Amino acid sequence: MKEYILVTVCSKKEESGNNFSQRLSLFWTQMLRQNPEEFEKVYAECTEFENHVGILGRKYAILPELADLLKTKLLNDGFDVLDIETEDFYSPYEITAPDWMQIEH
């Protein structure tokens, strides 16, 4: 069974939820088109934004081998990465609705 780690992608300070959501959609669309094999390593996204004192965050469940590449791509696209939990692993049974939405591949 595959196990996943969590990464929290963050907005710019004081960025609206709509703008952050649009930037995330564009990022993931580009990744799907340009790196489909890497995109398949993204299992799910959290259904709600988290609030980190004026900064929005969204968690993603990914395969561990994607962590470094994803962090680099996110930083290059103007996102911040709050946390990559490389020591904690989660099974698909822990990443479920209604808190998580599986990404279709």
N, C-alpha and C. Protein backbone atom coordinates (compact mmCIF):
# COMPACT_ATOMS: atom_id res chain seq x y z
N MET A 1 0.84 -1.17 0.00
CA MET A 1 0.00 0.00 0.00
C MET A 1 0.89 1.25 0.00
N LYS A 2 0.52 2.21 -0.83
CA LYS A 2 1.27 3.46 -0.89
C LYS A 2 1.00 4.29 0.36
N GLU A 3 2.04 5.00 0.79
CA GLU A 3 1.91 5.94 1.90
C GLU A 3 2.30 7.32 1.41
N TYR A 4 1.65 8.31 1.98
CA TYR A 4 1.79 9.67 1.53
C TYR A 4 2.30 10.57 2.65
N ILE A 5 2.93 11.66 2.25
CA ILE A 5 3.32 12.72 3.18
C ILE A 5 2.48 13.95 2.86
N LEU A 6 2.47 14.91 3.78
CA LEU A 6 1.67 16.11 3.58
C LEU A 6 2.57 17.31 3.35
N VAL A 7 2.13 18.16 2.44
CA VAL A 7 2.82 19.42 2.17
C VAL A 7 1.77 20.53 2.27
N THR A 8 2.13 21.63 2.92
CA THR A 8 1.24 22.78 3.03
C THR A 8 1.76 23.88 2.12
N VAL A 9 0.95 24.24 1.13
CA VAL A 9 1.28 25.30 0.18
C VAL A 9 0.60 26.58 0.67
N CYS A 10 1.35 27.68 0.68
CA CYS A 10 0.84 28.92 1.26
C CYS A 10 0.71 30.04 0.24
N SER A 11 -0.25 30.92 0.53
CA SER A 11 -0.49 32.11 -0.28
C SER A 11 0.52 33.19 0.06
N LYS A 12 0.42 34.27 -0.69
CA LYS A 12 1.15 35.48 -0.32
C LYS A 12 0.42 36.12 0.84
N LYS A 13 1.10 36.90 1.63
CA LYS A 13 0.48 37.56 2.77
C LYS A 13 -0.67 38.44 2.29
N GLU A 14 -1.80 38.31 2.95
CA GLU A 14 -3.01 39.08 2.66
C GLU A 14 -3.63 38.77 1.29
N GLU A 15 -3.21 37.70 0.63
CA GLU A 15 -3.81 37.32 -0.65
C GLU A 15 -5.21 36.77 -0.41
N SER A 16 -6.14 37.12 -1.26
CA SER A 16 -7.52 36.64 -1.09
C SER A 16 -7.61 35.15 -1.42
N GLY A 17 -8.62 34.52 -0.88
CA GLY A 17 -8.85 33.11 -1.17
C GLY A 17 -9.09 32.86 -2.64
N ASN A 18 -9.80 33.78 -3.31
CA ASN A 18 -10.06 33.62 -4.74
C ASN A 18 -8.78 33.68 -5.56
N ASN A 19 -7.92 34.65 -5.27
CA ASN A 19 -6.65 34.76 -6.00
C ASN A 19 -5.76 33.55 -5.75
N PHE A 20 -5.69 33.13 -4.50
CA PHE A 20 -4.87 31.97 -4.16
C PHE A 20 -5.40 30.73 -4.87
N SER A 21 -6.69 30.55 -4.87
CA SER A 21 -7.31 29.41 -5.53
C SER A 21 -7.02 29.43 -7.03
N GLN A 22 -7.10 30.60 -7.65
CA GLN A 22 -6.80 30.72 -9.08
C GLN A 22 -5.36 30.37 -9.38
N ARG A 23 -4.44 30.86 -8.55
CA ARG A 23 -3.01 30.55 -8.76
C ARG A 23 -2.74 29.07 -8.59
N LEU A 24 -3.39 28.45 -7.60
CA LEU A 24 -3.23 27.01 -7.41
C LEU A 24 -3.75 26.24 -8.62
N SER A 25 -4.91 26.62 -9.12
CA SER A 25 -5.48 25.95 -10.29
C SER A 25 -4.55 26.05 -11.49
N LEU A 26 -4.00 27.22 -11.72
CA LEU A 26 -3.07 27.41 -12.82
C LEU A 26 -1.82 26.56 -12.63
N PHE A 27 -1.28 26.56 -11.41
CA PHE A 27 -0.09 25.76 -11.12
C PHE A 27 -0.32 24.29 -11.42
N TRP A 28 -1.43 23.74 -10.90
CA TRP A 28 -1.69 22.31 -11.07
C TRP A 28 -2.02 21.97 -12.52
N THR A 29 -2.68 22.88 -13.24
CA THR A 29 -2.96 22.64 -14.65
C THR A 29 -1.67 22.58 -15.45
N GLN A 30 -0.75 23.50 -15.16
CA GLN A 30 0.55 23.48 -15.84
C GLN A 30 1.33 22.22 -15.50
N MET A 31 1.28 21.82 -14.24
CA MET A 31 2.00 20.61 -13.85
C MET A 31 1.42 19.39 -14.56
N LEU A 32 0.11 19.31 -14.64
CA LEU A 32 -0.53 18.19 -15.33
C LEU A 32 -0.10 18.13 -16.79
N ARG A 33 -0.04 19.28 -17.43
CA ARG A 33 0.32 19.32 -18.86
C ARG A 33 1.81 19.10 -19.11
N GLN A 34 2.64 19.66 -18.23
CA GLN A 34 4.09 19.61 -18.46
C GLN A 34 4.77 18.43 -17.79
N ASN A 35 4.22 17.94 -16.70
CA ASN A 35 4.83 16.84 -15.94
C ASN A 35 3.77 15.84 -15.48
N PRO A 36 3.08 15.18 -16.41
CA PRO A 36 1.99 14.29 -16.01
C PRO A 36 2.43 13.15 -15.11
N GLU A 37 3.64 12.65 -15.30
CA GLU A 37 4.12 11.55 -14.45
C GLU A 37 4.35 12.00 -13.01
N GLU A 38 4.73 13.25 -12.83
CA GLU A 38 4.90 13.79 -11.48
C GLU A 38 3.53 14.14 -10.87
N PHE A 39 2.63 14.66 -11.70
CA PHE A 39 1.30 15.01 -11.23
C PHE A 39 0.59 13.77 -10.66
N GLU A 40 0.86 12.62 -11.21
CA GLU A 40 0.23 11.38 -10.72
C GLU A 40 0.67 11.03 -9.30
N LYS A 41 1.71 11.66 -8.81
CA LYS A 41 2.19 11.40 -7.45
C LYS A 41 1.48 12.26 -6.40
N VAL A 42 0.56 13.11 -6.86
CA VAL A 42 -0.26 13.92 -5.96
C VAL A 42 -1.56 13.16 -5.75
N TYR A 43 -1.83 12.77 -4.52
CA TYR A 43 -2.98 11.91 -4.24
C TYR A 43 -4.26 12.70 -3.94
N ALA A 44 -4.15 13.74 -3.11
CA ALA A 44 -5.35 14.45 -2.67
C ALA A 44 -5.01 15.85 -2.20
N GLU A 45 -6.05 16.68 -2.13
CA GLU A 45 -5.91 18.00 -1.55
C GLU A 45 -6.96 18.19 -0.48
N CYS A 46 -6.60 18.96 0.52
CA CYS A 46 -7.53 19.27 1.60
C CYS A 46 -8.64 20.14 1.02
N THR A 47 -9.86 19.93 1.47
CA THR A 47 -11.00 20.64 0.89
C THR A 47 -11.12 22.08 1.37
N GLU A 48 -10.47 22.43 2.46
CA GLU A 48 -10.57 23.78 3.03
C GLU A 48 -9.19 24.42 3.15
N PHE A 49 -9.17 25.74 3.01
CA PHE A 49 -7.95 26.49 3.30
C PHE A 49 -7.75 26.54 4.81
N GLU A 50 -6.51 26.57 5.23
CA GLU A 50 -6.16 26.84 6.63
C GLU A 50 -5.75 28.30 6.71
N ASN A 51 -5.92 28.91 7.88
CA ASN A 51 -5.49 30.29 8.07
C ASN A 51 -4.29 30.30 9.01
N HIS A 52 -3.18 30.86 8.52
CA HIS A 52 -1.94 30.95 9.29
C HIS A 52 -1.59 32.43 9.49
N VAL A 53 -2.37 33.13 10.29
CA VAL A 53 -2.15 34.54 10.62
C VAL A 53 -1.96 35.38 9.34
N GLY A 54 -3.02 35.49 8.55
CA GLY A 54 -2.98 36.32 7.35
C GLY A 54 -2.45 35.62 6.12
N ILE A 55 -2.08 34.39 6.25
CA ILE A 55 -1.60 33.60 5.11
C ILE A 55 -2.49 32.36 5.02
N LEU A 56 -2.98 32.11 3.81
CA LEU A 56 -3.80 30.92 3.59
C LEU A 56 -2.90 29.74 3.24
N GLY A 57 -3.33 28.56 3.62
CA GLY A 57 -2.59 27.36 3.30
C GLY A 57 -3.53 26.25 2.86
N ARG A 58 -3.03 25.41 1.98
CA ARG A 58 -3.79 24.23 1.57
C ARG A 58 -2.84 23.04 1.59
N LYS A 59 -3.30 21.97 2.23
CA LYS A 59 -2.50 20.75 2.34
C LYS A 59 -2.73 19.84 1.14
N TYR A 60 -1.66 19.16 0.75
CA TYR A 60 -1.70 18.16 -0.31
C TYR A 60 -1.03 16.89 0.20
N ALA A 61 -1.60 15.76 -0.16
CA ALA A 61 -1.00 14.46 0.14
C ALA A 61 -0.27 14.00 -1.11
N ILE A 62 1.03 13.75 -0.95
CA ILE A 62 1.87 13.40 -2.10
C ILE A 62 2.74 12.20 -1.76
N LEU A 63 3.23 11.53 -2.80
CA LEU A 63 4.22 10.48 -2.57
C LEU A 63 5.54 11.15 -2.17
N PRO A 64 6.27 10.54 -1.24
CA PRO A 64 7.50 11.17 -0.71
C PRO A 64 8.52 11.56 -1.77
N GLU A 65 8.63 10.79 -2.84
CA GLU A 65 9.66 11.09 -3.84
C GLU A 65 9.37 12.37 -4.63
N LEU A 66 8.19 12.92 -4.49
CA LEU A 66 7.84 14.16 -5.18
C LEU A 66 8.20 15.40 -4.37
N ALA A 67 8.50 15.27 -3.11
CA ALA A 67 8.64 16.40 -2.19
C ALA A 67 9.63 17.47 -2.67
N ASP A 68 10.83 17.09 -2.99
CA ASP A 68 11.85 18.09 -3.37
C ASP A 68 11.50 18.81 -4.67
N LEU A 69 11.10 18.05 -5.67
CA LEU A 69 10.74 18.64 -6.96
C LEU A 69 9.54 19.57 -6.81
N LEU A 70 8.52 19.13 -6.07
CA LEU A 70 7.33 19.95 -5.89
C LEU A 70 7.66 21.24 -5.15
N LYS A 71 8.47 21.14 -4.12
CA LYS A 71 8.85 22.35 -3.37
C LYS A 71 9.55 23.35 -4.29
N THR A 72 10.47 22.88 -5.10
CA THR A 72 11.19 23.75 -6.03
C THR A 72 10.23 24.41 -7.01
N LYS A 73 9.33 23.64 -7.58
CA LYS A 73 8.36 24.19 -8.54
C LYS A 73 7.44 25.22 -7.89
N LEU A 74 6.98 24.92 -6.69
CA LEU A 74 6.10 25.85 -5.99
C LEU A 74 6.82 27.17 -5.68
N LEU A 75 8.04 27.07 -5.16
CA LEU A 75 8.80 28.28 -4.84
C LEU A 75 9.08 29.09 -6.10
N ASN A 76 9.40 28.43 -7.20
CA ASN A 76 9.66 29.12 -8.46
C ASN A 76 8.42 29.82 -9.00
N ASP A 77 7.24 29.31 -8.63
CA ASP A 77 5.98 29.92 -9.08
C ASP A 77 5.41 30.92 -8.08
N GLY A 78 6.17 31.30 -7.07
CA GLY A 78 5.75 32.35 -6.15
C GLY A 78 4.92 31.89 -4.96
N PHE A 79 4.86 30.59 -4.74
CA PHE A 79 4.19 30.08 -3.55
C PHE A 79 5.23 29.90 -2.45
N ASP A 80 4.75 29.80 -1.23
CA ASP A 80 5.61 29.43 -0.12
C ASP A 80 5.19 28.04 0.31
N VAL A 81 6.10 27.32 0.89
CA VAL A 81 5.81 25.99 1.40
C VAL A 81 6.02 26.04 2.90
N LEU A 82 4.92 25.96 3.64
CA LEU A 82 4.97 26.08 5.09
C LEU A 82 5.62 24.86 5.71
N ASP A 83 5.26 23.71 5.20
CA ASP A 83 5.73 22.49 5.86
C ASP A 83 5.64 21.31 4.91
N ILE A 84 6.65 20.47 4.96
CA ILE A 84 6.58 19.16 4.33
C ILE A 84 6.88 18.15 5.42
N GLU A 85 5.88 17.38 5.77
CA GLU A 85 5.98 16.43 6.88
C GLU A 85 6.61 15.13 6.38
N THR A 86 7.93 15.08 6.32
CA THR A 86 8.61 13.92 5.76
C THR A 86 8.75 12.75 6.73
N GLU A 87 8.43 12.96 7.98
CA GLU A 87 8.55 11.88 8.97
C GLU A 87 7.22 11.19 9.24
N ASP A 88 6.12 11.84 8.87
CA ASP A 88 4.79 11.27 9.12
C ASP A 88 4.21 10.76 7.82
N PHE A 89 3.78 9.51 7.82
CA PHE A 89 3.23 8.89 6.63
C PHE A 89 1.76 8.57 6.87
N TYR A 90 0.97 8.70 5.80
CA TYR A 90 -0.47 8.50 5.89
C TYR A 90 -0.91 7.52 4.81
N SER A 91 -1.81 6.64 5.17
CA SER A 91 -2.36 5.70 4.20
C SER A 91 -3.56 6.34 3.52
N PRO A 92 -4.00 5.80 2.40
CA PRO A 92 -5.21 6.33 1.75
C PRO A 92 -6.44 6.28 2.66
N TYR A 93 -6.44 5.39 3.63
CA TYR A 93 -7.57 5.27 4.55
C TYR A 93 -7.64 6.44 5.53
N GLU A 94 -6.54 7.18 5.66
CA GLU A 94 -6.51 8.35 6.55
C GLU A 94 -6.76 9.66 5.80
N ILE A 95 -6.74 9.59 4.49
CA ILE A 95 -6.90 10.78 3.65
C ILE A 95 -8.23 10.63 2.92
N THR A 96 -9.31 10.94 3.63
CA THR A 96 -10.64 10.66 3.11
C THR A 96 -11.57 11.88 3.19
N ALA A 97 -12.65 11.80 2.45
CA ALA A 97 -13.70 12.82 2.51
C ALA A 97 -14.32 12.80 3.90
N PRO A 98 -14.84 13.87 4.39
CA PRO A 98 -15.07 15.13 3.70
C PRO A 98 -13.90 16.11 3.80
N ASP A 99 -12.86 15.76 4.54
CA ASP A 99 -11.72 16.68 4.72
C ASP A 99 -10.77 16.71 3.52
N TRP A 100 -10.76 15.64 2.75
CA TRP A 100 -9.84 15.51 1.63
C TRP A 100 -10.62 15.20 0.36
N MET A 101 -10.06 15.66 -0.77
CA MET A 101 -10.62 15.36 -2.07
C MET A 101 -9.54 14.67 -2.90
N GLN A 102 -9.80 13.44 -3.31
CA GLN A 102 -8.83 12.73 -4.13
C GLN A 102 -8.75 13.40 -5.50
N ILE A 103 -7.53 13.46 -6.02
CA ILE A 103 -7.29 14.07 -7.32
C ILE A 103 -7.38 12.98 -8.37
N GLU A 104 -8.22 13.20 -9.36
CA GLU A 104 -8.40 12.21 -10.42
C GLU A 104 -7.22 12.28 -11.38
N HIS A 105 -6.77 11.11 -11.76
CA HIS A 105 -5.66 11.02 -12.73
C HIS A 105 -6.13 10.27 -13.95
